[in-house]
Amino acid sequence: MKSFFGLCLLLGLALSQVSGSCPESCPDTEEVVWALDGGRCSVFRNKCYFDQTNCTKETGEQLTVTTKEECQPKCASICTAIFQPVSGTYRGKTRQFGNACSKQAHACTTGETYL
């Protein structure tokens, strides 16, 4: 019985360490991270936002850091015409986009990291 409780305690501690490594909030510091998700390019404000996104992905689907030069040719160039407006703020200015794909495509081609 003691070993069962010990095992449960160890498992609980291990799980708390896994969830504890994912950042809950990130600074607005701009230190752009370029990343590939399979064949698609994504751009992040900084390493913290990159890590936050990777924490929510399943194993095997992890983003990998790359260079701007390798990533930008793989930016989305075609988005659906479905109007689901989103906004983003970059350097204190808010901009509206037709949908999340358009926002990501713009960020990817310009390197502007919208929050």
N, C-alpha and C. Protein backbone atom coordinates (compact mmCIF):
# COMPACT_ATOMS: atom_id res chain seq x y z
N MET A 1 0.82 -1.19 0.00
CA MET A 1 0.00 0.00 0.00
C MET A 1 0.87 1.26 0.00
N LYS A 2 1.97 1.24 0.79
CA LYS A 2 2.87 2.39 0.82
C LYS A 2 3.47 2.64 -0.55
N SER A 3 3.82 1.56 -1.25
CA SER A 3 4.46 1.73 -2.57
C SER A 3 3.45 2.32 -3.57
N PHE A 4 2.17 1.99 -3.43
CA PHE A 4 1.15 2.55 -4.31
C PHE A 4 1.05 4.06 -4.11
N PHE A 5 1.02 4.50 -2.86
CA PHE A 5 0.94 5.93 -2.58
C PHE A 5 2.22 6.65 -3.02
N GLY A 6 3.34 5.99 -2.84
CA GLY A 6 4.61 6.57 -3.29
C GLY A 6 4.64 6.74 -4.80
N LEU A 7 4.14 5.74 -5.50
CA LEU A 7 4.07 5.81 -6.95
C LEU A 7 3.13 6.93 -7.40
N CYS A 8 1.98 7.06 -6.74
CA CYS A 8 1.04 8.14 -7.06
C CYS A 8 1.67 9.50 -6.81
N LEU A 9 2.42 9.64 -5.74
CA LEU A 9 3.09 10.89 -5.42
C LEU A 9 4.12 11.23 -6.49
N LEU A 10 4.92 10.25 -6.87
CA LEU A 10 5.92 10.47 -7.92
C LEU A 10 5.27 10.85 -9.24
N LEU A 11 4.19 10.19 -9.59
CA LEU A 11 3.49 10.50 -10.83
C LEU A 11 2.93 11.92 -10.79
N GLY A 12 2.35 12.29 -9.66
CA GLY A 12 1.83 13.65 -9.50
C GLY A 12 2.91 14.70 -9.62
N LEU A 13 4.07 14.45 -9.02
CA LEU A 13 5.19 15.38 -9.12
C LEU A 13 5.70 15.48 -10.56
N ALA A 14 5.78 14.36 -11.24
CA ALA A 14 6.24 14.37 -12.63
C ALA A 14 5.29 15.16 -13.51
N LEU A 15 4.00 14.96 -13.34
CA LEU A 15 3.02 15.68 -14.15
C LEU A 15 3.03 17.17 -13.85
N SER A 16 3.26 17.55 -12.60
CA SER A 16 3.30 18.97 -12.26
C SER A 16 4.52 19.63 -12.88
N GLN A 17 5.61 18.90 -13.06
CA GLN A 17 6.80 19.45 -13.69
C GLN A 17 6.58 19.67 -15.18
N VAL A 18 5.85 18.76 -15.83
CA VAL A 18 5.56 18.88 -17.25
C VAL A 18 4.70 20.11 -17.50
N SER A 19 3.61 20.26 -16.78
CA SER A 19 2.73 21.40 -17.00
C SER A 19 3.38 22.69 -16.52
N GLY A 20 4.28 22.60 -15.54
CA GLY A 20 4.94 23.78 -15.01
C GLY A 20 5.95 24.38 -15.98
N SER A 21 6.38 23.63 -16.99
CA SER A 21 7.39 24.13 -17.91
C SER A 21 6.78 24.98 -19.03
N CYS A 22 5.48 24.99 -19.16
CA CYS A 22 4.81 25.79 -20.19
C CYS A 22 4.54 27.19 -19.65
N PRO A 23 5.04 28.21 -20.35
CA PRO A 23 4.82 29.58 -19.86
C PRO A 23 3.35 29.98 -19.93
N GLU A 24 2.87 30.62 -18.87
CA GLU A 24 1.48 31.07 -18.84
C GLU A 24 1.34 32.44 -19.50
N SER A 25 2.34 33.28 -19.31
CA SER A 25 2.32 34.60 -19.95
C SER A 25 3.72 34.90 -20.45
N CYS A 26 3.78 35.75 -21.45
CA CYS A 26 5.06 36.07 -22.08
C CYS A 26 5.28 37.58 -22.13
N PRO A 27 6.54 38.00 -22.11
CA PRO A 27 6.83 39.42 -22.23
C PRO A 27 6.60 39.88 -23.67
N ASP A 28 6.41 41.17 -23.86
CA ASP A 28 6.19 41.71 -25.21
C ASP A 28 7.49 41.99 -25.95
N THR A 29 8.62 41.64 -25.37
CA THR A 29 9.92 41.87 -25.98
C THR A 29 9.95 41.26 -27.39
N GLU A 30 10.41 42.06 -28.36
CA GLU A 30 10.44 41.55 -29.73
C GLU A 30 11.82 40.99 -30.06
N GLU A 31 11.89 39.67 -30.08
CA GLU A 31 13.07 38.92 -30.48
C GLU A 31 12.54 37.80 -31.36
N VAL A 32 12.22 38.12 -32.60
CA VAL A 32 11.47 37.27 -33.52
C VAL A 32 12.06 35.87 -33.65
N VAL A 33 11.16 34.88 -33.58
CA VAL A 33 11.52 33.48 -33.78
C VAL A 33 10.75 32.98 -34.99
N TRP A 34 11.47 32.45 -35.96
CA TRP A 34 10.89 31.84 -37.16
C TRP A 34 10.84 30.35 -36.94
N ALA A 35 9.72 29.71 -37.31
CA ALA A 35 9.57 28.29 -37.04
C ALA A 35 8.80 27.60 -38.16
N LEU A 36 9.11 26.33 -38.36
CA LEU A 36 8.41 25.51 -39.34
C LEU A 36 7.56 24.48 -38.61
N ASP A 37 6.35 24.31 -39.11
CA ASP A 37 5.41 23.31 -38.61
C ASP A 37 5.10 22.44 -39.81
N GLY A 38 5.90 21.38 -39.97
CA GLY A 38 5.79 20.61 -41.20
C GLY A 38 6.33 21.46 -42.33
N GLY A 39 5.49 21.81 -43.27
CA GLY A 39 5.91 22.65 -44.39
C GLY A 39 5.46 24.09 -44.29
N ARG A 40 4.86 24.48 -43.16
CA ARG A 40 4.32 25.83 -43.03
C ARG A 40 5.17 26.69 -42.10
N CYS A 41 5.35 27.94 -42.48
CA CYS A 41 6.15 28.88 -41.70
C CYS A 41 5.28 29.65 -40.72
N SER A 42 5.79 29.87 -39.52
CA SER A 42 5.13 30.69 -38.51
C SER A 42 6.16 31.63 -37.90
N VAL A 43 5.69 32.79 -37.47
CA VAL A 43 6.58 33.76 -36.85
C VAL A 43 6.03 34.10 -35.46
N PHE A 44 6.93 34.21 -34.48
CA PHE A 44 6.55 34.47 -33.09
C PHE A 44 7.29 35.69 -32.56
N ARG A 45 6.66 36.42 -31.66
CA ARG A 45 7.24 37.63 -31.07
C ARG A 45 8.57 37.32 -30.39
N ASN A 46 8.63 36.19 -29.67
CA ASN A 46 9.87 35.78 -28.99
C ASN A 46 9.80 34.30 -28.65
N LYS A 47 10.86 33.79 -28.04
CA LYS A 47 10.95 32.37 -27.73
C LYS A 47 9.85 31.91 -26.77
N CYS A 48 9.42 32.79 -25.89
CA CYS A 48 8.36 32.44 -24.94
C CYS A 48 7.06 32.11 -25.68
N TYR A 49 6.67 32.93 -26.66
CA TYR A 49 5.45 32.65 -27.44
C TYR A 49 5.61 31.37 -28.26
N PHE A 50 6.80 31.14 -28.77
CA PHE A 50 7.10 29.90 -29.49
C PHE A 50 6.90 28.71 -28.55
N ASP A 51 7.50 28.78 -27.35
CA ASP A 51 7.38 27.68 -26.37
C ASP A 51 5.93 27.46 -25.97
N GLN A 52 5.19 28.54 -25.79
CA GLN A 52 3.77 28.46 -25.42
C GLN A 52 2.98 27.68 -26.47
N THR A 53 3.24 27.95 -27.73
CA THR A 53 2.55 27.24 -28.82
C THR A 53 2.96 25.78 -28.86
N ASN A 54 4.25 25.51 -28.70
CA ASN A 54 4.73 24.12 -28.72
C ASN A 54 4.16 23.32 -27.56
N CYS A 55 3.89 23.95 -26.43
CA CYS A 55 3.35 23.24 -25.27
C CYS A 55 1.95 22.70 -25.54
N THR A 56 1.21 23.35 -26.44
CA THR A 56 -0.16 22.92 -26.71
C THR A 56 -0.23 21.91 -27.85
N LYS A 57 0.89 21.67 -28.52
CA LYS A 57 0.91 20.72 -29.63
C LYS A 57 1.21 19.32 -29.12
N GLU A 58 0.72 18.34 -29.84
CA GLU A 58 0.98 16.95 -29.49
C GLU A 58 2.38 16.57 -29.95
N THR A 59 2.95 15.57 -29.31
CA THR A 59 4.28 15.09 -29.67
C THR A 59 4.28 14.68 -31.14
N GLY A 60 5.34 15.01 -31.83
CA GLY A 60 5.44 14.69 -33.25
C GLY A 60 5.00 15.83 -34.14
N GLU A 61 4.29 16.81 -33.57
CA GLU A 61 3.82 17.96 -34.34
C GLU A 61 4.54 19.23 -33.89
N GLN A 62 5.65 19.08 -33.21
CA GLN A 62 6.35 20.22 -32.65
C GLN A 62 6.92 21.14 -33.74
N LEU A 63 6.88 22.43 -33.46
CA LEU A 63 7.48 23.43 -34.33
C LEU A 63 8.99 23.34 -34.17
N THR A 64 9.71 23.65 -35.23
CA THR A 64 11.17 23.68 -35.15
C THR A 64 11.66 25.07 -35.56
N VAL A 65 12.58 25.60 -34.79
CA VAL A 65 13.15 26.92 -35.07
C VAL A 65 13.99 26.84 -36.33
N THR A 66 13.89 27.88 -37.14
CA THR A 66 14.65 27.95 -38.39
C THR A 66 15.05 29.40 -38.64
N THR A 67 15.54 29.67 -39.81
CA THR A 67 15.93 31.04 -40.16
C THR A 67 14.82 31.71 -40.96
N LYS A 68 14.85 33.03 -40.97
CA LYS A 68 13.89 33.80 -41.76
C LYS A 68 13.99 33.42 -43.24
N GLU A 69 15.21 33.27 -43.71
CA GLU A 69 15.44 32.96 -45.13
C GLU A 69 14.86 31.60 -45.53
N GLU A 70 14.94 30.62 -44.63
CA GLU A 70 14.38 29.30 -44.93
C GLU A 70 12.87 29.28 -44.76
N CYS A 71 12.37 30.08 -43.82
CA CYS A 71 10.96 30.05 -43.46
C CYS A 71 10.07 30.83 -44.43
N GLN A 72 10.44 32.06 -44.74
CA GLN A 72 9.54 32.94 -45.50
C GLN A 72 9.05 32.37 -46.83
N PRO A 73 9.83 31.63 -47.58
CA PRO A 73 9.27 31.05 -48.82
C PRO A 73 8.12 30.08 -48.56
N LYS A 74 7.95 29.65 -47.31
CA LYS A 74 6.90 28.70 -46.96
C LYS A 74 5.72 29.37 -46.27
N CYS A 75 5.64 30.70 -46.34
CA CYS A 75 4.51 31.43 -45.78
C CYS A 75 3.25 31.11 -46.59
N ALA A 76 2.12 31.10 -45.91
CA ALA A 76 0.84 30.89 -46.60
C ALA A 76 0.65 32.01 -47.62
N SER A 77 0.23 31.64 -48.81
CA SER A 77 0.00 32.66 -49.84
C SER A 77 -1.47 32.71 -50.25
N ILE A 78 -2.22 31.67 -49.88
CA ILE A 78 -3.64 31.62 -50.22
C ILE A 78 -4.44 31.34 -48.94
N CYS A 79 -5.42 32.19 -48.67
CA CYS A 79 -6.31 32.00 -47.52
C CYS A 79 -7.74 31.94 -48.02
N THR A 80 -8.59 31.29 -47.26
CA THR A 80 -10.01 31.24 -47.63
C THR A 80 -10.60 32.64 -47.57
N ALA A 81 -11.67 32.85 -48.28
CA ALA A 81 -12.33 34.15 -48.30
C ALA A 81 -13.39 34.27 -47.21
N ILE A 82 -13.39 33.35 -46.28
CA ILE A 82 -14.37 33.38 -45.19
C ILE A 82 -14.02 34.55 -44.27
N PHE A 83 -14.99 35.43 -44.09
CA PHE A 83 -14.78 36.63 -43.28
C PHE A 83 -15.05 36.32 -41.81
N GLN A 84 -13.99 36.20 -41.06
CA GLN A 84 -14.05 36.00 -39.60
C GLN A 84 -13.02 36.95 -39.01
N PRO A 85 -13.36 38.23 -38.92
CA PRO A 85 -12.37 39.25 -38.58
C PRO A 85 -11.62 39.02 -37.27
N VAL A 86 -10.34 39.29 -37.33
CA VAL A 86 -9.47 39.24 -36.16
C VAL A 86 -8.61 40.50 -36.19
N SER A 87 -8.09 40.86 -35.04
CA SER A 87 -7.20 42.01 -35.00
C SER A 87 -5.90 41.61 -34.35
N GLY A 88 -4.90 42.44 -34.54
CA GLY A 88 -3.61 42.22 -33.92
C GLY A 88 -2.95 43.55 -33.65
N THR A 89 -2.11 43.57 -32.62
CA THR A 89 -1.41 44.80 -32.27
C THR A 89 0.08 44.59 -32.47
N TYR A 90 0.68 45.52 -33.18
CA TYR A 90 2.11 45.48 -33.43
C TYR A 90 2.67 46.88 -33.24
N ARG A 91 3.63 46.98 -32.33
CA ARG A 91 4.26 48.26 -32.00
C ARG A 91 3.24 49.35 -31.69
N GLY A 92 2.24 48.97 -30.90
CA GLY A 92 1.24 49.93 -30.42
C GLY A 92 0.12 50.25 -31.39
N LYS A 93 0.15 49.69 -32.59
CA LYS A 93 -0.90 49.96 -33.57
C LYS A 93 -1.72 48.69 -33.80
N THR A 94 -3.03 48.85 -33.75
CA THR A 94 -3.94 47.73 -33.97
C THR A 94 -4.35 47.70 -35.43
N ARG A 95 -4.35 46.49 -35.99
CA ARG A 95 -4.72 46.31 -37.39
C ARG A 95 -5.77 45.21 -37.49
N GLN A 96 -6.71 45.38 -38.40
CA GLN A 96 -7.77 44.39 -38.63
C GLN A 96 -7.41 43.49 -39.81
N PHE A 97 -7.76 42.22 -39.70
CA PHE A 97 -7.54 41.25 -40.77
C PHE A 97 -8.85 40.52 -41.04
N GLY A 98 -9.04 40.06 -42.25
CA GLY A 98 -10.27 39.36 -42.64
C GLY A 98 -10.48 38.05 -41.91
N ASN A 99 -9.38 37.37 -41.58
CA ASN A 99 -9.45 36.12 -40.82
C ASN A 99 -8.06 35.79 -40.27
N ALA A 100 -7.98 34.75 -39.47
CA ALA A 100 -6.71 34.39 -38.81
C ALA A 100 -5.64 34.01 -39.83
N CYS A 101 -6.03 33.36 -40.92
CA CYS A 101 -5.07 32.99 -41.95
C CYS A 101 -4.43 34.23 -42.57
N SER A 102 -5.24 35.24 -42.86
CA SER A 102 -4.71 36.48 -43.44
C SER A 102 -3.75 37.17 -42.48
N LYS A 103 -4.07 37.14 -41.21
CA LYS A 103 -3.20 37.74 -40.20
C LYS A 103 -1.86 37.00 -40.16
N GLN A 104 -1.91 35.67 -40.12
CA GLN A 104 -0.69 34.87 -40.08
C GLN A 104 0.14 35.04 -41.35
N ALA A 105 -0.52 35.08 -42.50
CA ALA A 105 0.20 35.26 -43.77
C ALA A 105 0.91 36.61 -43.81
N HIS A 106 0.23 37.65 -43.34
CA HIS A 106 0.84 38.98 -43.32
C HIS A 106 2.03 39.00 -42.37
N ALA A 107 1.85 38.44 -41.18
CA ALA A 107 2.94 38.39 -40.21
C ALA A 107 4.14 37.64 -40.76
N CYS A 108 3.87 36.56 -41.45
CA CYS A 108 4.94 35.73 -42.00
C CYS A 108 5.71 36.45 -43.10
N THR A 109 5.02 37.12 -43.98
CA THR A 109 5.72 37.77 -45.09
C THR A 109 6.42 39.07 -44.67
N THR A 110 5.93 39.72 -43.61
CA THR A 110 6.53 40.99 -43.18
C THR A 110 7.43 40.84 -41.95
N GLY A 111 7.25 39.78 -41.18
CA GLY A 111 8.00 39.62 -39.94
C GLY A 111 7.40 40.43 -38.79
N GLU A 112 6.24 41.02 -39.00
CA GLU A 112 5.56 41.78 -37.95
C GLU A 112 4.86 40.79 -37.03
N THR A 113 5.18 40.85 -35.75
CA THR A 113 4.66 39.87 -34.79
C THR A 113 3.48 40.44 -34.03
N TYR A 114 2.30 40.17 -34.50
CA TYR A 114 1.07 40.69 -33.91
C TYR A 114 0.67 39.93 -32.67
N LEU A 115 0.21 40.67 -31.68
CA LEU A 115 -0.33 40.04 -30.46
C LEU A 115 -1.82 40.22 -30.46
